Structures are given as C-alpha cells and as structure tokens.
Protein backbone atom coordinates (compact mmCIF):
# COMPACT_ATOMS: atom_id res chain seq x y z
CA UNK A 1 32.70 7.18 -22.22
CA UNK A 2 31.23 10.64 -24.23
CA UNK A 3 31.65 13.06 -21.08
CA UNK A 4 28.81 16.21 -20.30
CA UNK A 5 29.97 18.82 -22.69
CA UNK A 6 29.17 15.98 -25.02
CA UNK A 7 26.50 14.29 -24.32
CA UNK A 8 24.05 13.38 -27.29
CA UNK A 9 20.48 14.89 -27.51
CA UNK A 10 19.14 10.94 -27.46
CA UNK A 11 20.00 8.61 -25.02
CA UNK A 12 18.83 5.63 -27.36
CA UNK A 13 19.48 5.86 -31.12
CA UNK A 14 17.55 2.87 -33.11
CA UNK A 15 16.69 3.09 -37.00
CA UNK A 16 14.60 0.07 -38.45
CA UNK A 17 15.78 -2.59 -36.23
CA UNK A 18 14.63 -6.11 -37.14
CA UNK A 19 15.03 -9.52 -35.19
CA UNK A 20 14.19 -12.50 -36.98
CA UNK A 21 15.18 -15.93 -34.71
CA UNK A 22 14.87 -18.50 -37.50
CA UNK A 23 13.20 -21.71 -37.40
CA UNK A 24 14.60 -24.33 -35.44
CA UNK A 25 13.33 -28.16 -34.41
CA UNK A 26 9.95 -27.99 -33.58
CA UNK A 27 9.98 -24.09 -33.10
CA UNK A 28 8.94 -21.86 -36.06
CA UNK A 29 10.76 -18.56 -37.51
CA UNK A 30 9.10 -15.74 -35.62
CA UNK A 31 9.55 -12.07 -36.61
CA UNK A 32 10.20 -10.71 -32.69
CA UNK A 33 11.12 -6.89 -34.19
CA UNK A 34 9.67 -5.76 -36.75
CA UNK A 35 11.63 -2.17 -38.08
CA UNK A 36 11.84 -0.77 -35.04
CA UNK A 37 12.64 2.73 -34.98
CA UNK A 38 13.03 4.91 -31.41
CA UNK A 39 14.69 7.91 -30.11
CA UNK A 40 15.09 8.13 -26.34
CA UNK A 41 15.96 11.62 -25.44
CA UNK A 42 18.78 12.49 -22.71
CA UNK A 43 17.65 13.03 -19.62
CA UNK A 44 14.07 11.24 -19.78
CA UNK A 45 11.94 8.83 -17.88
CA UNK A 46 10.70 6.69 -20.88
CA UNK A 47 8.25 3.79 -20.75
CA UNK A 48 8.25 0.50 -22.81
CA UNK A 49 5.26 -1.46 -22.58
CA UNK A 50 3.92 -4.37 -24.01
CA UNK A 51 2.12 -7.45 -23.54
CA UNK A 52 4.24 -10.69 -22.67
CA UNK A 53 6.10 -11.88 -26.02
CA UNK A 54 5.71 -8.36 -27.95
CA UNK A 55 9.63 -8.36 -28.02
CA UNK A 56 10.24 -5.50 -25.18
CA UNK A 57 12.77 -7.94 -23.47
CA UNK A 58 14.45 -8.75 -27.15
CA UNK A 59 15.23 -5.21 -27.57
CA UNK A 60 16.28 -4.73 -24.18
CA UNK A 61 19.34 -7.59 -24.44
CA UNK A 62 19.74 -6.00 -27.64
CA UNK A 63 21.09 -2.90 -26.85
CA UNK A 64 22.85 -5.11 -23.41
CA UNK A 65 24.99 -7.34 -26.23
CA UNK A 66 23.06 -10.46 -25.58
CA UNK A 67 20.84 -10.68 -28.38
CA UNK A 68 22.58 -10.10 -32.38
CA UNK A 69 19.99 -8.16 -33.90
CA UNK A 70 19.51 -8.92 -37.34
CA UNK A 71 19.31 -5.97 -38.82
CA UNK A 72 19.31 -2.15 -38.59
CA UNK A 73 21.37 0.22 -36.50
CA UNK A 74 21.90 0.93 -32.51
CA UNK A 75 23.64 3.88 -30.31
CA UNK A 76 23.52 4.07 -27.20
CA UNK A 77 25.12 7.47 -25.97
CA UNK A 78 25.40 8.34 -29.47
CA UNK A 79 27.69 4.85 -29.63
CA UNK A 80 26.58 2.51 -32.44
CA UNK A 81 26.55 -0.78 -30.70
CA UNK A 82 28.86 -2.76 -33.70
CA UNK A 83 31.35 -0.07 -34.30
CA UNK A 84 31.89 0.50 -30.55
CA UNK A 85 30.55 -2.85 -28.97
CA UNK A 86 32.24 -2.21 -25.04
CA UNK A 87 32.01 1.31 -24.77
CA UNK A 88 28.18 1.39 -25.57
CA UNK A 89 27.32 -1.28 -23.63
CA UNK A 90 29.60 0.61 -20.98
CA UNK A 91 26.67 3.67 -21.42
CA UNK A 92 24.15 1.38 -20.22
CA UNK A 93 22.91 -0.70 -16.52
CA UNK A 94 21.10 -3.08 -16.83
CA UNK A 95 18.51 -4.14 -14.55
CA UNK A 96 16.80 -7.42 -15.64
CA UNK A 97 13.88 -9.33 -14.66
CA UNK A 98 15.36 -12.39 -13.80
CA UNK A 99 17.25 -12.24 -10.24
CA UNK A 100 20.75 -13.71 -11.14
CA UNK A 101 23.32 -13.89 -7.86
CA UNK A 102 25.88 -15.93 -7.14
CA UNK A 103 24.32 -17.84 -3.34
CA UNK A 104 27.68 -17.93 -2.58
CA UNK A 105 29.30 -14.06 -2.85
CA UNK A 106 28.36 -11.04 -0.38
CA UNK A 107 26.69 -8.26 -1.56
CA UNK A 108 30.24 -6.12 -1.77
CA UNK A 109 31.57 -8.74 -3.17
CA UNK A 110 29.45 -9.08 -5.67
CA UNK A 111 30.34 -5.53 -6.09
CA UNK A 112 33.43 -5.08 -6.48
CA UNK A 113 33.57 -7.83 -8.88
CA UNK A 114 31.68 -6.16 -11.55
CA UNK A 115 33.39 -3.09 -10.96
CA UNK A 116 36.14 -4.78 -11.99
CA UNK A 117 34.77 -6.32 -15.67
CA UNK A 118 34.11 -2.69 -16.16
CA UNK A 119 37.34 -1.59 -15.03
CA UNK A 120 36.57 1.05 -12.46
CA UNK A 121 39.91 1.62 -11.09
CA UNK A 122 39.37 0.86 -6.85
CA UNK A 123 39.57 4.16 -5.97
CA UNK A 124 36.59 5.21 -7.78
CA UNK A 125 34.29 2.28 -6.60
CA UNK A 126 31.20 3.28 -5.17
CA UNK A 127 29.96 -0.11 -3.85
CA UNK A 128 29.23 1.15 -0.58
CA UNK A 129 27.61 4.05 -1.35
CA UNK A 130 25.39 2.26 -4.41
CA UNK A 131 24.89 -0.66 -1.03
CA UNK A 132 23.88 2.08 1.68
CA UNK A 133 21.22 3.93 -0.63
CA UNK A 134 19.63 0.99 -1.80
CA UNK A 135 19.37 -0.27 2.07
CA UNK A 136 21.60 -3.16 1.96
CA UNK A 137 24.91 -1.58 3.80
CA UNK A 138 24.27 -4.12 6.80
CA UNK A 139 23.42 -6.82 4.71
CA UNK A 140 26.87 -6.43 2.45
CA UNK A 141 28.77 -9.30 4.12
CA UNK A 142 26.17 -11.36 4.39
CA UNK A 143 26.00 -14.55 1.72
CA UNK A 144 23.28 -13.36 -1.16
CA UNK A 145 21.21 -16.71 -0.46
CA UNK A 146 20.25 -15.29 2.68
CA UNK A 147 18.59 -11.82 1.32
CA UNK A 148 15.04 -11.97 1.10
CA UNK A 149 13.65 -11.44 -2.63
CA UNK A 150 13.06 -7.81 -2.29
CA UNK A 151 16.34 -7.79 -1.33
CA UNK A 152 17.70 -9.75 -4.17
CA UNK A 153 15.86 -7.65 -6.73
CA UNK A 154 17.16 -4.32 -4.60
CA UNK A 155 21.36 -6.05 -5.20
CA UNK A 156 20.10 -6.05 -9.36
CA UNK A 157 19.67 -2.36 -9.06
CA UNK A 158 23.32 -1.69 -7.34
CA UNK A 159 24.65 -4.26 -9.76
CA UNK A 160 23.59 -2.12 -12.40
CA UNK A 161 24.96 0.63 -11.38
CA UNK A 162 28.43 0.08 -10.04
CA UNK A 163 30.26 1.69 -13.45
CA UNK A 164 27.88 4.55 -12.99
CA UNK A 165 26.23 4.22 -16.41
CA UNK A 166 24.57 7.32 -18.20
CA UNK A 167 21.67 4.95 -18.91
CA UNK A 168 19.76 2.60 -16.42
CA UNK A 169 17.38 0.08 -18.35
CA UNK A 170 14.68 -0.80 -15.31
CA UNK A 171 12.40 -4.35 -16.86
CA UNK A 172 10.40 -5.01 -14.31
CA UNK A 173 12.17 -4.25 -11.28
CA UNK A 174 9.79 -4.50 -8.95
CA UNK A 175 7.94 -7.56 -10.48
CA UNK A 176 6.40 -9.70 -7.42
CA UNK A 177 8.11 -7.10 -4.43
CA UNK A 178 5.95 -5.47 -1.25
CA UNK A 179 4.53 -1.95 -1.78
CA UNK A 180 7.38 -0.54 0.64
CA UNK A 181 9.91 -1.99 -1.34
CA UNK A 182 8.28 -0.24 -4.70
CA UNK A 183 7.66 3.18 -3.21
CA UNK A 184 12.22 3.00 -1.94
CA UNK A 185 12.77 1.80 -5.09
CA UNK A 186 11.63 4.38 -7.54
CA UNK A 187 12.96 6.98 -4.81
CA UNK A 188 15.88 6.55 -5.32
CA UNK A 189 15.62 5.91 -9.15
CA UNK A 190 13.33 9.66 -9.05
CA UNK A 191 16.91 10.12 -7.29
CA UNK A 192 19.43 9.04 -10.27
CA UNK A 193 17.07 10.54 -12.53
CA UNK A 194 17.12 14.11 -10.42
CA UNK A 195 21.00 13.35 -11.46
CA UNK A 196 20.78 13.04 -14.84
CA UNK A 197 20.81 9.39 -15.71
CA UNK A 198 18.42 8.64 -18.25
CA UNK A 199 15.87 6.02 -17.05
CA UNK A 200 14.35 3.31 -19.64
CA UNK A 201 11.31 1.54 -17.88
CA UNK A 202 9.11 -1.58 -19.01
CA UNK A 203 6.30 -2.67 -16.50
CA UNK A 204 2.84 -3.89 -15.79
CA UNK A 205 2.01 -1.47 -13.18
CA UNK A 206 0.72 0.85 -15.53
CA UNK A 207 0.08 3.06 -12.83
CA UNK A 208 3.47 3.30 -12.12
CA UNK A 209 4.34 4.80 -15.74
CA UNK A 210 1.99 6.97 -15.93
CA UNK A 211 3.31 8.53 -12.70
CA UNK A 212 7.21 8.27 -13.52
CA UNK A 213 7.36 8.52 -17.86
CA UNK A 214 8.03 11.25 -19.32
CA UNK A 215 7.28 9.32 -22.59
CA UNK A 216 5.79 5.71 -23.61
CA UNK A 217 6.35 3.41 -26.27
CA UNK A 218 4.13 0.66 -26.73
CA UNK A 219 5.06 -2.25 -28.64
CA UNK A 220 2.47 -5.35 -29.67
CA UNK A 221 3.78 -8.12 -32.02
CA UNK A 222 7.50 -6.64 -32.46
CA UNK A 223 6.32 -3.22 -33.63
CA UNK A 224 5.80 -0.03 -32.08
CA UNK A 225 2.34 0.57 -31.84
CA UNK A 226 2.72 4.49 -30.46
CA UNK A 227 5.55 6.07 -29.27
CA UNK A 228 4.37 9.76 -27.58
CA UNK A 229 4.52 12.29 -24.73
CA UNK A 230 2.52 10.70 -21.81
CA UNK A 231 0.15 13.27 -22.08
CA UNK A 232 -0.43 12.82 -25.60
CA UNK A 233 -1.12 9.42 -25.55
CA UNK A 234 -3.43 9.72 -22.43
CA UNK A 235 -4.75 12.78 -24.69
CA UNK A 236 -5.50 9.56 -27.57
CA UNK A 237 -8.34 8.21 -26.43
CA UNK A 238 -11.78 10.75 -27.11
CA UNK A 239 -14.12 10.26 -24.19
CA UNK A 240 -14.61 10.99 -21.06
CA UNK A 241 -16.98 9.90 -18.06
CA UNK A 242 -19.37 12.08 -16.16
CA UNK A 243 -20.68 10.60 -13.01
CA UNK A 244 -23.48 12.46 -11.32
CA UNK A 245 -24.36 11.62 -7.25
CA UNK A 246 -27.90 12.18 -7.75
CA UNK A 247 -30.17 13.97 -4.47
CA UNK A 248 -32.41 10.80 -4.34
CA UNK A 249 -31.76 7.83 -5.34
CA UNK A 250 -31.79 6.10 -9.07
CA UNK A 251 -33.57 2.49 -9.71
CA UNK A 252 -32.59 2.72 -13.06
CA UNK A 253 -31.63 4.90 -16.11
CA UNK A 254 -34.23 7.33 -17.36
CA UNK A 255 -35.93 6.91 -20.15
CA UNK A 256 -35.08 9.77 -21.50
CA UNK A 257 -31.72 8.95 -21.27
CA UNK A 258 -31.70 5.79 -22.54
CA UNK A 259 -30.05 6.33 -26.16
CA UNK A 260 -26.77 7.67 -24.03
CA UNK A 261 -23.78 5.50 -22.72
CA UNK A 262 -25.80 5.80 -19.32
CA UNK A 263 -25.57 3.65 -15.89
CA UNK A 264 -26.23 2.89 -12.43
CA UNK A 265 -23.08 1.86 -10.88
CA UNK A 266 -23.48 -0.32 -7.16
CA UNK A 267 -22.18 2.88 -5.35
CA UNK A 268 -25.60 4.45 -6.86
CA UNK A 269 -23.78 7.28 -9.01
CA UNK A 270 -25.01 7.73 -12.62
CA UNK A 271 -22.16 7.60 -14.74
CA UNK A 272 -22.46 8.64 -18.26
CA UNK A 273 -19.80 8.21 -20.83
CA UNK A 274 -19.67 10.64 -23.96
CA UNK A 275 -17.09 11.53 -26.79
CA UNK A 276 -15.73 15.16 -25.97
CA UNK A 277 -15.26 15.61 -29.64
CA UNK A 278 -19.01 15.37 -30.45
CA UNK A 279 -20.63 16.22 -26.69
CA UNK A 280 -20.43 19.01 -24.17
CA UNK A 281 -20.64 18.74 -20.59
CA UNK A 282 -23.00 21.61 -20.56
CA UNK A 283 -25.50 19.68 -23.17
CA UNK A 284 -25.17 16.31 -20.86
CA UNK A 285 -26.47 18.44 -18.13
CA UNK A 286 -28.91 20.02 -19.33
CA UNK A 287 -30.53 16.01 -20.41
CA UNK A 288 -29.97 15.55 -16.71
CA UNK A 289 -32.26 17.78 -15.00
CA UNK A 290 -34.21 17.40 -18.45
CA UNK A 291 -34.90 13.95 -17.31
CA UNK A 292 -35.52 14.87 -13.73
CA UNK A 293 -32.84 13.79 -12.24
CA UNK A 294 -31.73 16.01 -8.85
CA UNK A 295 -27.44 16.52 -9.02
CA UNK A 296 -26.19 16.79 -5.83
CA UNK A 297 -22.16 16.03 -6.90
CA UNK A 298 -20.30 15.86 -9.94
CA UNK A 299 -17.02 14.79 -11.48
CA UNK A 300 -15.22 13.77 -14.57
CA UNK A 301 -12.44 11.00 -15.22
CA UNK A 302 -10.41 10.86 -18.07
CA UNK A 303 -9.37 7.88 -19.77
CA UNK A 304 -5.99 6.55 -17.77
CA UNK A 305 -2.72 4.53 -19.39
CA UNK A 306 -4.64 0.99 -18.90
CA UNK A 307 -7.16 2.70 -20.93
CA UNK A 308 -5.19 3.61 -23.90
CA UNK A 309 -2.59 0.40 -23.48
CA UNK A 310 -5.38 -1.67 -23.44
CA UNK A 311 -7.04 0.03 -27.04
CA UNK A 312 -3.97 -0.22 -28.73
CA UNK A 313 -2.85 -3.72 -27.66
CA UNK A 314 -6.06 -5.84 -27.77
CA UNK A 315 -7.08 -8.33 -30.52
CA UNK A 316 -9.94 -7.20 -32.47
CA UNK A 317 -12.69 -9.64 -32.10
CA UNK A 318 -14.07 -12.19 -34.75
CA UNK A 319 -16.80 -11.44 -37.18
C-alpha cells in the first residue's frame, strides 16, 4: 500500500476507459462506457451521478475487479489495476447497492473473515471498533438474518472498511433506508473523510450530493457530460427566480409583466424567473413597481443540483 509520505495526488485516475458488452443471444451489444477520463483528487468527497443505466455501476465494478474493461487505463491510489491487481483492489473499499451477507454469520465473524481475506494480521484488526462506530456493537454476535435492513446496510459499510482502505466507494448507500440512518451514516462518512479517506459517492438523493461533495461528475449514456467542482456545476444554469411577496394579494400576473417568465404561486407570491446574464434584479424591481405591485418582501432562488442534473441528462423532446 502506498504510504502517507508518497500518497498520490489523485485517488483515482482513469484514461479513455471503454466497456463494451458484446451481443449475446437476444441481448444486443451495449457500449456501457465511452472514453471515460477522470481524475478524483486524494482526500475529496466526489459525487458520481447519472440516471439508471448510465454506466456508474460498470465504472465502479471495473475498479473493484468485478468487470473487465474493454480498453483504457485505470489507477487506484497510483496503482494500475492491470499491473497491480491485488494491491490496487486493496486500496479501495466498495459498498454496493445490494446487501450481500451470509445470514448464518454474525457481524463479528463476517468482519474477521473479510479481514483475513485481505491479509490483515489479527493484531491489526479493528472489527469491534468498526462495528461500534456504526452502531452495531450490541449486534456483533447476532446472526445477520436477525438484523434489520438498516443494520444490514451499515454492516455493508463495515465490511468495506476492515482493511482500512484510503478510498471508499459508496454506491447508493442510503437507498431505501430511513432518515435517521441516513443522518448517522453521513456523520460517520464525514468522520472518515476528516481522517483522510477519499469518498466516492453515487446517490439518487441529489440534495445529499450537493451538501456532501466537493466535486461531481455526471454520467449519461456511458459518457461524462460534466465533471466540475460542485459550486461551478451549480453555476452552469444562467437563471434565478425572484420571489416577491406583495403587500396586497394578486389574482393574476399584471398585464405589463406579461413579457416576463412570471407566475403567481399557490402561496400568493409573484415568482419571476430571469437570466442573470441578461437582466438585473434592480431592473426587474422597477418593472414590478411600475406594474403597481407593492412589495412586502422578496428573496431570490438559485438553481440546485437537481436542476443542473435534469438539464444535462434529459432527452430532447422530439420535434
């Protein structure tokens, strides 16, 4: 394993990665990954987002050694996955979407077994520490089949951490779990990140990605359509919404504002969406006052990650 003094600049480096699933039986050929090149900085929280079938799981499974790439190169913690397969895979822990656990093992037995697979000496194993950190200490000797779905999800995270990997990949870790578990899981993930672990996250909860990730790559149809720091990605959409609370209720948008993208919300607020590069708020307010609207309060709303995601992955409507 690369030690701290020689830690690479990038936790993951991928160049021109391709994956083609060849036609088989009734299944047509599928080009799952198309010329993927990506740099994930060491110590970051990196979001990998995209619609179902976009290629995210294929990308992760190639790094984990579960799927063979068609062409291109990939390095984990500076180790080429072809030249150093065992060492590179030991540098990552992967928490998959599926819960894979033998129902007749206990959590402690499972973690000890995984640590043995990775060659972790008994004196260096942290099974109890990891179970405690994830709130599973009191279930360490229960059979896995007796655990709730949320506990099994936490156990999957524990399994991925037994060999203390510098890179942790979380593939939809909070899918189908309750709010309390999501909160506790993210608290622990932040602690891991604070200790230097690089986190790679896929999630359908875009608010999680917006809050947690330093940078985000969006994948669509096997291609990266954006890869930028989160604030820069959010700034891609050149519009904001001015929301005005009038002193007197409005029954309709004033006729003089008909040329604007304006509407009355169910709450009675007047919402005007505008391009920031073309229109200033001061000019809009002049038009609103000129239309006879008395302004009680106002706020501006910026687009969020969901807006950016939809703009980059939505299919264009047929003419």
